[in-house]
Amino acid sequence: AVVSTQSGHYGRGERVVAVFVAGPSWQFKGWPGLTPDGSPVNIFTKMQAFHLKFEEVPLEKNITKWDVSVLTVSKNKRHLDSVSALKFWEHLDKFILKNKRHLRF
């Protein structure tokens, strides 16, 4: 589900279980639950956060400070993408079981 951040309307936001994080905190501008300094750390208690990156690229500074699962892929070893895909589903399933059991199958 895509959650709209326009004028604070989140519709079915309570059903959102994951978010992909690029790194800059401005990505979450207008989202409810930001800390006074604009940090999205409180959001990551309600949604599993993921960051997808190439192994050759350094990790964005904010990602190291936040509770984000990093999924790494290689530009040259694309046959290993399935490892990151499995890691994604494992982390998401664990998060749903722990935090949003009512959304399980």
N, C-alpha and C. Protein backbone atom coordinates (compact mmCIF):
# COMPACT_ATOMS: atom_id res chain seq x y z
N ALA A 1 0.84 -1.18 0.00
CA ALA A 1 0.00 0.00 0.00
C ALA A 1 0.88 1.23 0.00
N VAL A 2 0.48 2.21 -0.71
CA VAL A 2 1.18 3.49 -0.72
C VAL A 2 0.45 4.42 0.23
N VAL A 3 1.19 5.03 1.11
CA VAL A 3 0.60 5.93 2.10
C VAL A 3 0.83 7.35 1.64
N SER A 4 -0.24 8.12 1.53
CA SER A 4 -0.14 9.51 1.11
C SER A 4 0.32 10.36 2.28
N THR A 5 1.27 11.24 2.03
CA THR A 5 1.69 12.17 3.07
C THR A 5 1.13 13.56 2.81
N GLN A 6 0.26 13.70 1.84
CA GLN A 6 -0.35 14.99 1.54
C GLN A 6 -1.30 15.38 2.65
N SER A 7 -1.08 16.52 3.24
CA SER A 7 -1.93 17.11 4.28
C SER A 7 -2.28 16.12 5.39
N GLY A 8 -1.35 15.26 5.74
CA GLY A 8 -1.52 14.36 6.87
C GLY A 8 -2.50 13.23 6.67
N HIS A 9 -2.95 12.97 5.47
CA HIS A 9 -3.91 11.90 5.23
C HIS A 9 -3.16 10.59 5.01
N TYR A 10 -3.43 9.61 5.86
CA TYR A 10 -2.71 8.35 5.78
C TYR A 10 -3.62 7.16 5.49
N GLY A 11 -4.90 7.40 5.37
CA GLY A 11 -5.81 6.33 4.99
C GLY A 11 -5.60 5.07 5.81
N ARG A 12 -5.12 4.03 5.17
CA ARG A 12 -4.92 2.75 5.83
C ARG A 12 -3.47 2.59 6.30
N GLY A 13 -2.89 3.63 6.78
CA GLY A 13 -1.51 3.60 7.24
C GLY A 13 -1.23 2.57 8.31
N GLU A 14 -2.25 2.24 9.10
CA GLU A 14 -2.06 1.23 10.15
C GLU A 14 -1.81 -0.14 9.56
N ARG A 15 -2.11 -0.32 8.29
CA ARG A 15 -1.89 -1.61 7.62
C ARG A 15 -0.54 -1.67 6.91
N VAL A 16 0.19 -0.57 6.90
CA VAL A 16 1.50 -0.55 6.26
C VAL A 16 2.50 -1.24 7.18
N VAL A 17 3.25 -2.18 6.64
CA VAL A 17 4.17 -2.95 7.47
C VAL A 17 5.64 -2.68 7.18
N ALA A 18 5.93 -2.00 6.06
CA ALA A 18 7.33 -1.76 5.71
C ALA A 18 7.49 -0.47 4.94
N VAL A 19 8.70 0.04 5.01
CA VAL A 19 9.06 1.25 4.26
C VAL A 19 10.50 1.08 3.77
N PHE A 20 10.74 1.52 2.54
CA PHE A 20 12.11 1.53 2.02
C PHE A 20 12.69 2.91 2.25
N VAL A 21 13.84 2.94 2.88
CA VAL A 21 14.48 4.18 3.29
C VAL A 21 15.65 4.49 2.36
N ALA A 22 15.66 5.71 1.83
CA ALA A 22 16.76 6.13 0.96
C ALA A 22 17.95 6.62 1.78
N GLY A 23 17.68 7.26 2.91
CA GLY A 23 18.76 7.77 3.76
C GLY A 23 18.52 9.16 4.29
N PRO A 24 18.18 10.13 3.44
CA PRO A 24 17.95 11.48 3.97
C PRO A 24 16.67 11.54 4.81
N SER A 25 16.73 12.27 5.92
CA SER A 25 15.56 12.35 6.79
C SER A 25 14.41 13.11 6.15
N TRP A 26 14.69 13.95 5.16
CA TRP A 26 13.61 14.69 4.49
C TRP A 26 12.64 13.74 3.77
N GLN A 27 13.04 12.50 3.55
CA GLN A 27 12.15 11.52 2.93
C GLN A 27 10.86 11.38 3.74
N PHE A 28 10.93 11.65 5.04
CA PHE A 28 9.79 11.45 5.93
C PHE A 28 9.11 12.76 6.33
N LYS A 29 9.40 13.82 5.63
CA LYS A 29 8.78 15.12 5.93
C LYS A 29 7.26 14.99 5.83
N GLY A 30 6.57 15.43 6.87
CA GLY A 30 5.12 15.36 6.89
C GLY A 30 4.54 14.08 7.47
N TRP A 31 5.39 13.12 7.77
CA TRP A 31 4.90 11.86 8.36
C TRP A 31 4.62 12.08 9.84
N PRO A 32 3.59 11.43 10.38
CA PRO A 32 3.35 11.53 11.82
C PRO A 32 4.39 10.70 12.58
N GLY A 33 4.69 11.14 13.78
CA GLY A 33 5.59 10.36 14.63
C GLY A 33 7.05 10.75 14.55
N LEU A 34 7.38 11.82 13.82
CA LEU A 34 8.77 12.25 13.76
C LEU A 34 9.19 12.82 15.12
N THR A 35 10.46 12.67 15.46
CA THR A 35 10.96 13.28 16.68
C THR A 35 11.07 14.79 16.44
N PRO A 36 11.23 15.58 17.49
CA PRO A 36 11.33 17.04 17.30
C PRO A 36 12.44 17.48 16.34
N ASP A 37 13.50 16.69 16.24
CA ASP A 37 14.58 17.05 15.32
C ASP A 37 14.35 16.53 13.90
N GLY A 38 13.16 15.93 13.66
CA GLY A 38 12.82 15.45 12.32
C GLY A 38 13.26 14.03 12.02
N SER A 39 13.76 13.34 13.02
CA SER A 39 14.22 11.96 12.82
C SER A 39 13.02 11.01 12.75
N PRO A 40 13.10 10.02 11.86
CA PRO A 40 11.99 9.06 11.72
C PRO A 40 12.09 7.82 12.60
N VAL A 41 12.92 7.83 13.63
CA VAL A 41 13.14 6.61 14.41
C VAL A 41 11.86 6.04 15.00
N ASN A 42 10.91 6.89 15.37
CA ASN A 42 9.64 6.39 15.92
C ASN A 42 8.81 5.66 14.87
N ILE A 43 8.94 6.06 13.62
CA ILE A 43 8.22 5.41 12.52
C ILE A 43 8.66 3.96 12.41
N PHE A 44 9.95 3.72 12.67
CA PHE A 44 10.52 2.38 12.49
C PHE A 44 10.10 1.42 13.60
N THR A 45 9.35 1.89 14.59
CA THR A 45 8.78 0.98 15.59
C THR A 45 7.43 0.46 15.11
N LYS A 46 6.84 1.14 14.11
CA LYS A 46 5.53 0.76 13.58
C LYS A 46 5.63 0.09 12.22
N MET A 47 6.77 0.26 11.55
CA MET A 47 7.00 -0.32 10.23
C MET A 47 8.42 -0.85 10.17
N GLN A 48 8.61 -1.95 9.50
CA GLN A 48 9.96 -2.48 9.28
C GLN A 48 10.61 -1.62 8.20
N ALA A 49 11.78 -1.11 8.50
CA ALA A 49 12.49 -0.25 7.55
C ALA A 49 13.58 -1.04 6.83
N PHE A 50 13.67 -0.83 5.52
CA PHE A 50 14.67 -1.48 4.69
C PHE A 50 15.43 -0.44 3.89
N HIS A 51 16.69 -0.73 3.63
CA HIS A 51 17.51 0.09 2.75
C HIS A 51 18.18 -0.85 1.76
N LEU A 52 17.95 -0.61 0.48
CA LEU A 52 18.55 -1.43 -0.58
C LEU A 52 19.74 -0.69 -1.16
N LYS A 53 20.90 -1.37 -1.19
CA LYS A 53 22.10 -0.71 -1.71
C LYS A 53 22.98 -1.70 -2.46
N PHE A 54 23.79 -1.16 -3.36
CA PHE A 54 24.81 -1.95 -4.01
C PHE A 54 25.98 -2.12 -3.05
N GLU A 55 26.59 -3.30 -3.05
CA GLU A 55 27.69 -3.56 -2.11
C GLU A 55 28.87 -2.63 -2.32
N GLU A 56 29.01 -2.09 -3.52
CA GLU A 56 30.13 -1.21 -3.83
C GLU A 56 29.93 0.21 -3.32
N VAL A 57 28.71 0.55 -2.93
CA VAL A 57 28.38 1.92 -2.53
C VAL A 57 28.42 2.02 -1.01
N PRO A 58 29.07 3.08 -0.49
CA PRO A 58 29.11 3.24 0.98
C PRO A 58 27.71 3.45 1.55
N LEU A 59 27.54 3.03 2.78
CA LEU A 59 26.25 3.14 3.45
C LEU A 59 25.99 4.60 3.83
N GLU A 60 24.80 5.07 3.54
CA GLU A 60 24.36 6.43 3.90
C GLU A 60 24.46 6.59 5.42
N LYS A 61 24.95 7.74 5.87
CA LYS A 61 25.22 8.01 7.28
C LYS A 61 24.00 7.77 8.18
N ASN A 62 22.83 8.25 7.79
CA ASN A 62 21.63 8.09 8.63
C ASN A 62 21.24 6.63 8.79
N ILE A 63 21.48 5.83 7.80
CA ILE A 63 21.10 4.41 7.86
C ILE A 63 21.80 3.72 9.03
N THR A 64 23.03 4.11 9.29
CA THR A 64 23.78 3.49 10.40
C THR A 64 23.21 3.90 11.76
N LYS A 65 22.50 5.03 11.83
CA LYS A 65 21.93 5.51 13.09
C LYS A 65 20.52 4.99 13.34
N TRP A 66 19.84 4.54 12.31
CA TRP A 66 18.44 4.13 12.42
C TRP A 66 18.32 2.61 12.45
N ASP A 67 17.19 2.13 12.93
CA ASP A 67 16.90 0.70 12.97
C ASP A 67 16.38 0.26 11.60
N VAL A 68 17.32 0.03 10.69
CA VAL A 68 17.00 -0.28 9.30
C VAL A 68 17.72 -1.57 8.91
N SER A 69 17.00 -2.47 8.26
CA SER A 69 17.61 -3.68 7.73
C SER A 69 18.20 -3.35 6.36
N VAL A 70 19.49 -3.57 6.22
CA VAL A 70 20.17 -3.25 4.97
C VAL A 70 20.18 -4.49 4.07
N LEU A 71 19.68 -4.32 2.86
CA LEU A 71 19.69 -5.38 1.85
C LEU A 71 20.73 -5.00 0.82
N THR A 72 21.70 -5.86 0.61
CA THR A 72 22.81 -5.56 -0.28
C THR A 72 22.76 -6.44 -1.52
N VAL A 73 22.94 -5.82 -2.66
CA VAL A 73 23.04 -6.54 -3.93
C VAL A 73 24.31 -6.10 -4.63
N SER A 74 24.77 -6.94 -5.54
CA SER A 74 25.98 -6.66 -6.30
C SER A 74 25.62 -6.26 -7.72
N LYS A 75 26.37 -5.32 -8.26
CA LYS A 75 26.16 -4.94 -9.66
C LYS A 75 26.58 -6.05 -10.61
N ASN A 76 27.52 -6.88 -10.17
CA ASN A 76 28.11 -7.89 -11.05
C ASN A 76 27.70 -9.33 -10.74
N LYS A 77 27.08 -9.55 -9.60
CA LYS A 77 26.69 -10.91 -9.20
C LYS A 77 25.19 -10.96 -8.99
N ARG A 78 24.44 -10.65 -10.02
CA ARG A 78 22.99 -10.54 -9.92
C ARG A 78 22.32 -11.86 -9.57
N HIS A 79 23.01 -12.96 -9.79
CA HIS A 79 22.44 -14.26 -9.43
C HIS A 79 22.29 -14.41 -7.90
N LEU A 80 22.91 -13.52 -7.15
CA LEU A 80 22.81 -13.57 -5.70
C LEU A 80 21.69 -12.67 -5.15
N ASP A 81 20.95 -12.02 -6.03
CA ASP A 81 19.85 -11.15 -5.59
C ASP A 81 18.82 -11.91 -4.76
N SER A 82 18.66 -13.18 -5.06
CA SER A 82 17.66 -13.97 -4.34
C SER A 82 17.99 -14.07 -2.84
N VAL A 83 19.26 -13.98 -2.48
CA VAL A 83 19.65 -14.00 -1.07
C VAL A 83 19.06 -12.78 -0.36
N SER A 84 19.17 -11.61 -0.99
CA SER A 84 18.61 -10.39 -0.41
C SER A 84 17.10 -10.45 -0.39
N ALA A 85 16.49 -11.05 -1.40
CA ALA A 85 15.03 -11.18 -1.43
C ALA A 85 14.56 -12.05 -0.27
N LEU A 86 15.24 -13.14 -0.02
CA LEU A 86 14.89 -14.02 1.10
C LEU A 86 15.07 -13.30 2.43
N LYS A 87 16.15 -12.55 2.54
CA LYS A 87 16.40 -11.78 3.77
C LYS A 87 15.27 -10.78 4.00
N PHE A 88 14.80 -10.13 2.93
CA PHE A 88 13.69 -9.19 3.03
C PHE A 88 12.46 -9.86 3.63
N TRP A 89 12.07 -11.01 3.04
CA TRP A 89 10.86 -11.69 3.51
C TRP A 89 11.02 -12.23 4.93
N GLU A 90 12.21 -12.69 5.30
CA GLU A 90 12.44 -13.19 6.65
C GLU A 90 12.27 -12.06 7.67
N HIS A 91 12.89 -10.91 7.41
CA HIS A 91 12.78 -9.77 8.32
C HIS A 91 11.34 -9.28 8.41
N LEU A 92 10.67 -9.20 7.26
CA LEU A 92 9.30 -8.71 7.26
C LEU A 92 8.36 -9.66 8.00
N ASP A 93 8.50 -10.96 7.77
CA ASP A 93 7.67 -11.94 8.48
C ASP A 93 7.87 -11.86 9.99
N LYS A 94 9.12 -11.74 10.43
CA LYS A 94 9.40 -11.63 11.87
C LYS A 94 8.77 -10.37 12.45
N PHE A 95 8.88 -9.27 11.71
CA PHE A 95 8.30 -8.01 12.17
C PHE A 95 6.78 -8.12 12.31
N ILE A 96 6.14 -8.69 11.31
CA ILE A 96 4.68 -8.83 11.34
C ILE A 96 4.25 -9.73 12.49
N LEU A 97 4.94 -10.84 12.69
CA LEU A 97 4.61 -11.75 13.79
C LEU A 97 4.73 -11.06 15.15
N LYS A 98 5.74 -10.22 15.28
CA LYS A 98 5.99 -9.55 16.56
C LYS A 98 5.09 -8.34 16.76
N ASN A 99 4.84 -7.55 15.72
CA ASN A 99 4.20 -6.24 15.89
C ASN A 99 2.81 -6.09 15.28
N LYS A 100 2.47 -6.91 14.30
CA LYS A 100 1.18 -6.75 13.62
C LYS A 100 0.57 -8.11 13.30
N ARG A 101 0.42 -8.92 14.32
CA ARG A 101 -0.09 -10.29 14.13
C ARG A 101 -1.45 -10.31 13.45
N HIS A 102 -2.24 -9.29 13.67
CA HIS A 102 -3.58 -9.26 13.09
C HIS A 102 -3.55 -9.15 11.56
N LEU A 103 -2.40 -8.83 10.98
CA LEU A 103 -2.28 -8.73 9.53
C LEU A 103 -1.74 -10.00 8.88
N ARG A 104 -1.45 -11.00 9.69
CA ARG A 104 -0.99 -12.27 9.14
C ARG A 104 -2.12 -12.94 8.39
N PHE A 105 -1.82 -13.56 7.31
CA PHE A 105 -2.74 -14.32 6.44
C PHE A 105 -4.13 -14.37 6.97
